[in-house]
Amino acid sequence: MSSPPPHEQRDERVTRGTRGFGSSPRASSQPEARAAARLRTRLELAATLGALLIAFAIGGVFIALIGENPFEIYGLMLRETLGTGYGIGQTLFKATPLIFTGLAVAFGFRAGLFNIGAEGQLYLGAFAAALVGVAWKDGPFPLLLVLCLAAAAGAGALWGAIPGWLKARFGAHEVINTIMLNFIAFALVSYLGHGHFVPATVHTAEIGAGAHIPRLSALLPALKGSPANFTLALGVVLAVWVGFVLFRTRRGFEWRTLGLSPGAAEYGGVAVGRAQVGALALSGAIAGLGGANFVLGYKHFFELGFSGGVGFLGIAVALLGRNHPLGVVLAALVFGVLGHGGLAINARVPRELVNILEALVILSAIGIAAVAERRLRKFA
C-alpha cells in the first residue's frame, strides 16, 4: 500500500499533536506522573523556604556587624508588621501590587517570555484608570469601577502586546523591548499628564466616588488607619483564575508547552506568534490592573512616580514564588513584610538592610532553584 503524500502526513501529525493537548496521559503513566508532580512540589517548597532561611541568616550577619542583635531586629520587624492591625494592613497594602506584577511576570515566564515591562504596564494602567474615573466623575458604582478596571487592563494589555508583536513579527527579544517600553511609558504619561494634572501639581483630579475601592477596614476594623483595600481580594481572585487558565485549560497547556519548547508547540499545532502576542498582552493586562491599588483604592488620583519599582520587584516575587500563582501570592506577602518592616527597624539599622535582604532572597532563590532542577533531573 502506498503512503499518503507528504502534506497529508504533516496534516496528520499536526492533528495528532493538537489532539494531544486536550487528551489525558495514558493510565499506565498516571501514577508516575503524580509521583513526579509531588516530588517537584516538595522540592520547590523546600527551595523557597531554603532561600528565605539563607537570606535571613546572611542578613543576620550584617546586622551583627553593625552591633545589633539579629534576633531583636527580626523580632521587631515581625511585631511591627504582623503583630498589630495597622502593621498587618500596611503589609497587605504593600503586598497587593506585588501580587499583580508577580503574576504578570510569572505568567510570561510560563509561556517562555521574560516580561520586564510590568512597571510600565502598571503605570499606564493606573493612568488610564484615573482618566476614566475623572472623565465620568458622576458615574454610578459599580459601573464606573468596572470601566476604570477595564481601562487599566486594556492599557496594560496594549503595552504588553507591543513587544509580543515585535517578537512574533521580527524576532525582536522581549527583554530589550519591555525594558525600553518602561521608559517610553513614563515619558508618555508625563507628556499626556500636562493636559490632565491639577495645576502646579503632578497628579490628576480625584476620580469619581463610583470608582472607589473600599478599604479592608470597612470589613475588618482592626486594620483601621491602613490603606489596605479590596484590590487585595481582586489580586487573590486573579491568582486563582491564572492558575485555572494555566493548569486546567487547553490554551494554558499550549502556553506552557510554548514555554518549555517552542518547536514542540509549533509541531503540535500552536500558532507560536499569536500565542506569544496573547501571552504578553495578558501579562500586561494583569500588571495594568495592579495600578488600581493606588488610584482606585488609596489616593483616588494618579500621581507621577507612584509605582516605586513594584514592577521590577515583581520579578523577584515571581522567582521566589516559583512562577506558581499561589507561590506568587505568598512571596508577595513576604516582600510586603520586608517593605513595611524596613520602615519599622529604620531607627536601629540602615534602611538599605532591607534592600540587601531582598537581593539575598533573589540570589538564594536562583541558586537553590538550580540545585532543585538538578535533583529533579536525577530522579526523572
Protein backbone atom coordinates (compact mmCIF):
# COMPACT_ATOMS: atom_id res chain seq x y z
CA MET A 1 0.00 0.00 0.00
CA SER A 2 1.40 3.38 -0.97
CA SER A 3 1.98 6.01 1.72
CA PRO A 4 -0.02 9.26 1.64
CA PRO A 5 1.53 12.38 0.14
CA PRO A 6 3.94 14.38 2.40
CA HIS A 7 1.50 17.23 3.03
CA GLU A 8 -1.15 14.76 4.24
CA GLN A 9 1.43 13.17 6.55
CA ARG A 10 2.19 16.58 8.04
CA ASP A 11 -1.51 17.36 8.47
CA GLU A 12 -1.98 14.09 10.31
CA ARG A 13 0.99 14.88 12.59
CA VAL A 14 -0.38 18.33 13.41
CA THR A 15 -3.87 16.93 14.03
CA ARG A 16 -2.47 14.20 16.24
CA GLY A 17 -0.37 16.71 18.18
CA THR A 18 -3.32 19.05 18.59
CA ARG A 19 -5.47 16.24 19.96
CA GLY A 20 -2.68 15.57 22.42
CA PHE A 21 -3.17 18.99 24.01
CA GLY A 22 -6.66 18.11 25.11
CA SER A 23 -6.12 14.44 26.00
CA SER A 24 -5.11 12.87 29.28
CA PRO A 25 -1.91 10.83 29.83
CA ARG A 26 -2.22 7.11 29.45
CA ALA A 27 -3.41 5.32 32.53
CA SER A 28 -0.12 3.46 32.92
CA SER A 29 1.82 6.70 33.25
CA GLN A 30 -0.55 8.46 35.67
CA PRO A 31 0.96 7.11 38.95
CA GLU A 32 4.47 8.04 37.79
CA ALA A 33 3.29 11.49 36.73
CA ARG A 34 1.60 12.09 40.08
CA ALA A 35 4.69 10.95 41.96
CA ALA A 36 6.88 13.26 39.88
CA ALA A 37 4.49 16.16 40.49
CA ARG A 38 4.56 15.55 44.26
CA LEU A 39 8.35 15.40 44.23
CA ARG A 40 8.55 18.64 42.26
CA THR A 41 6.15 20.38 44.66
CA ARG A 42 8.17 19.29 47.69
CA LEU A 43 11.45 20.33 46.18
CA GLU A 44 10.08 23.71 45.11
CA LEU A 45 8.65 24.34 48.59
CA ALA A 46 11.95 23.32 50.17
CA ALA A 47 13.83 25.57 47.73
CA THR A 48 11.66 28.57 48.64
CA LEU A 49 11.98 28.04 52.37
CA GLY A 50 15.70 27.41 51.99
CA ALA A 51 16.14 30.66 50.06
CA LEU A 52 14.40 32.61 52.84
CA LEU A 53 16.43 30.94 55.60
CA ILE A 54 19.73 31.56 53.83
CA ALA A 55 18.85 35.19 53.08
CA PHE A 56 17.84 35.96 56.66
CA ALA A 57 20.86 34.10 58.06
CA ILE A 58 23.26 36.16 55.94
CA GLY A 59 21.25 39.28 56.75
CA GLY A 60 21.70 38.45 60.43
CA VAL A 61 25.46 38.52 59.94
CA PHE A 62 25.22 42.05 58.53
CA ILE A 63 23.08 43.11 61.48
CA ALA A 64 25.59 41.69 63.93
CA LEU A 65 28.43 43.51 62.16
CA ILE A 66 26.83 46.89 62.92
CA GLY A 67 26.46 45.99 66.59
CA GLU A 68 22.79 44.97 66.77
CA ASN A 69 21.21 41.70 67.85
CA PRO A 70 19.74 39.98 64.76
CA PHE A 71 17.04 38.23 66.80
CA GLU A 72 15.89 41.51 68.32
CA ILE A 73 15.80 43.22 64.92
CA TYR A 74 13.89 40.41 63.23
CA GLY A 75 11.55 40.20 66.21
CA LEU A 76 10.88 43.94 65.97
CA MET A 77 10.19 43.58 62.26
CA LEU A 78 7.68 40.79 62.82
CA ARG A 79 5.94 42.61 65.69
CA GLU A 80 5.54 45.80 63.67
CA THR A 81 4.34 44.05 60.51
CA LEU A 82 2.28 41.12 61.80
CA GLY A 83 1.74 41.94 65.48
CA THR A 84 -0.68 44.86 65.11
CA GLY A 85 -3.74 45.52 62.99
CA TYR A 86 -2.16 48.61 61.46
CA GLY A 87 1.04 46.70 60.67
CA ILE A 88 -0.88 43.87 59.02
CA GLY A 89 -2.82 46.41 56.96
CA GLN A 90 0.35 48.14 55.81
CA THR A 91 1.93 44.81 54.93
CA LEU A 92 -1.11 43.79 52.90
CA PHE A 93 -1.14 47.17 51.14
CA LYS A 94 2.49 46.83 50.10
CA ALA A 95 1.97 43.21 49.03
CA THR A 96 -1.07 43.95 46.87
CA PRO A 97 0.61 45.48 43.78
CA LEU A 98 3.34 42.84 44.03
CA ILE A 99 0.70 40.13 43.58
CA PHE A 100 -0.27 41.69 40.25
CA THR A 101 3.23 42.34 38.95
CA GLY A 102 4.44 38.97 40.23
CA LEU A 103 1.58 37.21 38.45
CA ALA A 104 2.32 39.18 35.28
CA VAL A 105 5.98 38.15 35.29
CA ALA A 106 5.22 34.55 36.29
CA PHE A 107 2.63 34.20 33.53
CA GLY A 108 5.17 35.42 30.98
CA PHE A 109 7.79 33.01 32.33
CA ARG A 110 5.37 30.10 31.97
CA ALA A 111 5.00 30.97 28.27
CA GLY A 112 8.77 31.27 27.84
CA LEU A 113 8.69 35.09 27.80
CA PHE A 114 10.57 37.44 30.13
CA ASN A 115 8.29 40.40 30.76
CA ILE A 116 10.39 43.11 32.41
CA GLY A 117 7.81 45.71 31.41
CA ALA A 118 5.38 45.21 34.32
CA GLU A 119 6.42 48.57 35.78
CA GLY A 120 5.42 50.50 32.66
CA GLN A 121 2.28 48.40 32.16
CA LEU A 122 1.13 49.06 35.73
CA TYR A 123 1.96 52.77 35.33
CA LEU A 124 -0.09 53.13 32.16
CA GLY A 125 -2.92 51.06 33.61
CA ALA A 126 -3.13 53.36 36.64
CA PHE A 127 -3.10 56.46 34.42
CA ALA A 128 -5.84 55.08 32.16
CA ALA A 129 -8.00 54.19 35.17
CA ALA A 130 -7.59 57.71 36.55
CA LEU A 131 -8.51 59.32 33.22
CA VAL A 132 -11.73 57.31 33.01
CA GLY A 133 -12.54 57.98 36.66
CA VAL A 134 -12.07 61.72 36.22
CA ALA A 135 -13.83 61.96 32.86
CA TRP A 136 -17.01 60.40 34.24
CA LYS A 137 -16.93 61.58 37.85
CA ASP A 138 -20.68 61.20 38.25
CA GLY A 139 -20.72 57.59 37.07
CA PRO A 140 -22.52 55.18 39.41
CA PHE A 141 -20.95 52.41 41.42
CA PRO A 142 -20.10 49.71 40.37
CA LEU A 143 -20.31 50.66 36.68
CA LEU A 144 -17.63 53.34 36.94
CA LEU A 145 -15.39 50.99 38.90
CA VAL A 146 -15.73 48.29 36.22
CA LEU A 147 -14.93 50.80 33.48
CA CYS A 148 -11.83 52.02 35.33
CA LEU A 149 -10.61 48.45 35.85
CA ALA A 150 -11.27 47.68 32.17
CA ALA A 151 -9.27 50.78 31.17
CA ALA A 152 -6.38 49.70 33.41
CA ALA A 153 -6.36 46.18 31.99
CA GLY A 154 -6.72 47.44 28.42
CA ALA A 155 -3.84 49.91 28.70
CA GLY A 156 -1.59 47.24 30.22
CA ALA A 157 -2.61 44.70 27.58
CA LEU A 158 -1.84 47.12 24.77
CA TRP A 159 1.58 47.90 26.22
CA GLY A 160 2.29 44.19 26.64
CA ALA A 161 1.09 43.27 23.15
CA ILE A 162 3.59 45.64 21.51
CA PRO A 163 6.73 43.63 22.44
CA GLY A 164 4.76 40.44 21.76
CA TRP A 165 4.03 41.58 18.21
CA LEU A 166 7.61 42.72 17.69
CA LYS A 167 8.87 39.31 18.79
CA ALA A 168 6.37 37.41 16.65
CA ARG A 169 6.87 39.60 13.57
CA PHE A 170 10.59 40.41 13.66
CA GLY A 171 12.06 38.11 16.30
CA ALA A 172 12.97 41.10 18.48
CA HIS A 173 13.80 39.96 22.01
CA GLU A 174 11.10 40.85 24.54
CA VAL A 175 13.62 41.68 27.29
CA ILE A 176 15.04 44.65 25.38
CA ASN A 177 11.64 45.79 24.15
CA THR A 178 9.89 45.61 27.52
CA ILE A 179 12.74 47.47 29.24
CA MET A 180 12.63 50.28 26.67
CA LEU A 181 8.84 50.45 26.80
CA ASN A 182 9.04 51.16 30.53
CA PHE A 183 10.84 54.42 29.86
CA ILE A 184 8.52 55.26 26.99
CA ALA A 185 5.55 54.72 29.30
CA PHE A 186 6.98 57.08 31.92
CA ALA A 187 7.68 59.75 29.32
CA LEU A 188 4.30 59.31 27.63
CA VAL A 189 2.38 59.69 30.89
CA SER A 190 4.46 62.72 31.84
CA TYR A 191 3.68 64.32 28.48
CA LEU A 192 -0.03 63.48 28.47
CA GLY A 193 -0.34 64.49 32.09
CA HIS A 194 0.21 68.17 31.30
CA GLY A 195 -3.33 68.29 29.99
CA HIS A 196 -4.86 66.38 32.91
CA PHE A 197 -2.89 67.24 36.05
CA VAL A 198 -4.16 69.70 38.59
CA PRO A 199 -2.24 72.98 38.02
CA ALA A 200 1.07 73.21 39.88
CA THR A 201 0.91 69.52 40.85
CA VAL A 202 1.95 66.18 39.38
CA HIS A 203 -1.35 64.39 39.99
CA THR A 204 -4.76 64.26 38.34
CA ALA A 205 -8.01 65.43 39.85
CA GLU A 206 -9.77 62.97 42.13
CA ILE A 207 -11.74 60.21 40.46
CA GLY A 208 -15.49 59.85 40.96
CA ALA A 209 -16.75 58.17 44.11
CA GLY A 210 -18.31 55.44 41.97
CA ALA A 211 -14.81 54.13 41.20
CA HIS A 212 -13.56 53.97 44.79
CA ILE A 213 -12.49 50.54 46.01
CA PRO A 214 -13.45 50.18 49.70
CA ARG A 215 -10.83 49.83 52.42
CA LEU A 216 -10.44 46.47 54.13
CA SER A 217 -11.02 48.23 57.44
CA ALA A 218 -14.71 48.51 56.48
CA LEU A 219 -14.88 44.72 56.95
CA LEU A 220 -12.00 44.30 59.43
CA PRO A 221 -11.97 47.24 61.88
CA ALA A 222 -8.63 46.09 63.30
CA LEU A 223 -6.97 47.35 60.10
CA LYS A 224 -8.27 50.89 60.64
CA GLY A 225 -5.78 53.56 59.61
CA SER A 226 -4.05 51.43 56.99
CA PRO A 227 -4.60 51.94 53.24
CA ALA A 228 -5.20 48.23 52.58
CA ASN A 229 -8.19 47.84 50.31
CA PHE A 230 -10.17 45.24 48.39
CA THR A 231 -7.76 45.36 45.47
CA LEU A 232 -6.06 42.62 47.50
CA ALA A 233 -9.14 40.42 47.06
CA LEU A 234 -9.08 41.14 43.33
CA GLY A 235 -5.45 40.03 43.22
CA VAL A 236 -6.20 36.77 45.02
CA VAL A 237 -9.14 36.04 42.70
CA LEU A 238 -6.92 36.82 39.73
CA ALA A 239 -4.28 34.41 41.03
CA VAL A 240 -6.89 31.65 41.20
CA TRP A 241 -8.03 32.48 37.67
CA VAL A 242 -4.46 32.48 36.33
CA GLY A 243 -3.87 29.09 37.95
CA PHE A 244 -7.04 27.73 36.37
CA VAL A 245 -6.12 29.05 32.93
CA LEU A 246 -2.56 27.74 33.07
CA PHE A 247 -3.24 24.29 34.51
CA ARG A 248 -6.82 23.47 33.60
CA THR A 249 -7.38 24.79 30.08
CA ARG A 250 -6.18 23.89 26.62
CA ARG A 251 -4.88 27.39 25.96
CA GLY A 252 -2.92 27.33 29.21
CA PHE A 253 -1.38 23.99 28.23
CA GLU A 254 -0.38 25.47 24.90
CA TRP A 255 1.27 28.43 26.63
CA ARG A 256 3.16 26.15 29.00
CA THR A 257 4.25 23.97 26.10
CA LEU A 258 5.43 27.10 24.32
CA GLY A 259 7.50 27.97 27.37
CA LEU A 260 9.08 24.54 27.53
CA SER A 261 9.70 24.06 23.80
CA PRO A 262 8.52 26.44 21.06
CA GLY A 263 9.40 23.83 18.47
CA ALA A 264 7.25 21.18 20.10
CA ALA A 265 4.41 23.67 20.48
CA GLU A 266 4.57 24.57 16.78
CA TYR A 267 4.71 20.91 15.81
CA GLY A 268 1.61 20.33 17.94
CA GLY A 269 -0.37 22.91 16.00
CA VAL A 270 0.15 26.02 18.17
CA ALA A 271 0.39 29.32 16.27
CA VAL A 272 3.55 30.41 18.07
CA GLY A 273 3.49 34.06 17.07
CA ARG A 274 -0.14 34.54 18.03
CA ALA A 275 0.42 32.71 21.32
CA GLN A 276 3.37 34.98 22.16
CA VAL A 277 1.36 38.13 21.48
CA GLY A 278 -1.56 36.80 23.53
CA ALA A 279 0.65 35.78 26.45
CA LEU A 280 2.38 39.15 26.70
CA ALA A 281 -0.90 41.01 26.24
CA LEU A 282 -2.49 39.04 29.08
CA SER A 283 0.62 39.53 31.20
CA GLY A 284 0.39 43.28 30.58
CA ALA A 285 -3.32 43.33 31.47
CA ILE A 286 -2.58 41.66 34.82
CA ALA A 287 0.13 44.22 35.58
CA GLY A 288 -2.12 47.09 34.47
CA LEU A 289 -4.79 46.04 36.97
CA GLY A 290 -2.21 46.45 39.73
CA GLY A 291 -2.47 50.21 39.35
CA ALA A 292 -5.95 50.03 40.90
CA ASN A 293 -4.39 49.60 44.35
CA PHE A 294 -3.11 53.18 44.39
CA VAL A 295 -5.55 55.03 42.15
CA LEU A 296 -8.86 53.38 42.99
CA GLY A 297 -8.19 52.07 46.48
CA TYR A 298 -5.84 54.57 48.12
CA LYS A 299 -5.22 58.11 46.84
CA HIS A 300 -8.10 58.21 44.34
CA PHE A 301 -5.93 60.07 41.83
CA PHE A 302 -2.91 59.29 39.67
CA GLU A 303 0.43 60.74 40.73
CA LEU A 304 3.74 60.72 38.87
CA GLY A 305 6.27 58.25 40.26
CA PHE A 306 3.79 56.44 42.50
CA SER A 307 4.85 52.92 41.46
CA GLY A 308 8.24 52.99 43.18
CA GLY A 309 9.68 49.97 41.37
CA VAL A 310 6.93 47.43 42.20
CA GLY A 311 7.03 46.22 38.60
CA PHE A 312 10.70 45.34 38.84
CA LEU A 313 10.23 43.81 42.30
CA GLY A 314 7.55 41.61 40.73
CA ILE A 315 10.39 39.72 39.03
CA ALA A 316 11.76 38.77 42.44
CA VAL A 317 8.27 37.81 43.61
CA ALA A 318 7.81 35.52 40.60
CA LEU A 319 11.22 33.89 41.17
CA LEU A 320 10.60 33.28 44.85
CA GLY A 321 7.08 32.02 44.11
CA ARG A 322 8.46 29.58 41.53
CA ASN A 323 6.15 31.07 38.87
CA HIS A 324 3.12 29.48 40.50
CA PRO A 325 0.09 31.68 41.28
CA LEU A 326 -0.15 30.50 44.90
CA GLY A 327 3.59 30.89 45.34
CA VAL A 328 3.39 34.41 43.93
CA VAL A 329 0.75 35.44 46.48
CA LEU A 330 2.84 34.07 49.36
CA ALA A 331 6.04 35.62 48.02
CA ALA A 332 4.29 38.99 47.69
CA LEU A 333 3.36 38.79 51.37
CA VAL A 334 6.99 38.08 52.24
CA PHE A 335 8.14 41.15 50.33
CA GLY A 336 5.29 43.12 51.90
CA VAL A 337 6.70 42.23 55.32
CA LEU A 338 10.15 43.34 54.20
CA GLY A 339 8.79 46.56 52.72
CA HIS A 340 6.92 47.73 55.82
CA GLY A 341 9.37 46.08 58.21
CA GLY A 342 12.18 48.16 56.78
CA LEU A 343 10.42 51.29 57.98
CA ALA A 344 9.86 49.79 61.43
CA ILE A 345 13.52 48.93 62.02
CA ASN A 346 14.94 52.02 60.36
CA ALA A 347 15.70 53.66 63.72
CA ARG A 348 18.12 50.87 64.63
CA VAL A 349 19.56 49.64 61.34
CA PRO A 350 20.01 51.32 57.95
CA ARG A 351 17.05 51.16 55.57
CA GLU A 352 19.41 49.67 52.99
CA LEU A 353 19.44 46.47 55.03
CA VAL A 354 16.03 45.61 53.57
CA ASN A 355 17.42 46.10 50.06
CA ILE A 356 20.23 43.70 50.98
CA LEU A 357 17.71 41.16 52.28
CA GLU A 358 15.64 41.42 49.10
CA ALA A 359 18.77 40.89 46.99
CA LEU A 360 19.79 37.92 49.12
CA VAL A 361 16.35 36.36 48.74
CA ILE A 362 16.59 36.69 44.95
CA LEU A 363 20.11 35.27 44.75
CA SER A 364 19.26 32.41 47.12
CA ALA A 365 16.10 31.59 45.19
CA ILE A 366 18.03 31.45 41.90
CA GLY A 367 20.83 29.32 43.35
CA ILE A 368 18.61 26.84 45.14
CA ALA A 369 16.30 26.61 42.13
CA ALA A 370 19.24 25.41 40.05
CA VAL A 371 20.04 22.73 42.65
CA ALA A 372 16.39 21.66 42.76
CA GLU A 373 16.25 21.33 38.98
CA ARG A 374 19.33 19.08 39.03
CA ARG A 375 17.68 16.93 41.68
CA LEU A 376 14.53 16.65 39.60
CA ARG A 377 16.51 15.60 36.53
CA LYS A 378 18.30 13.00 38.63
CA PHE A 379 15.03 11.40 39.71
CA ALA A 380 13.39 11.79 36.27
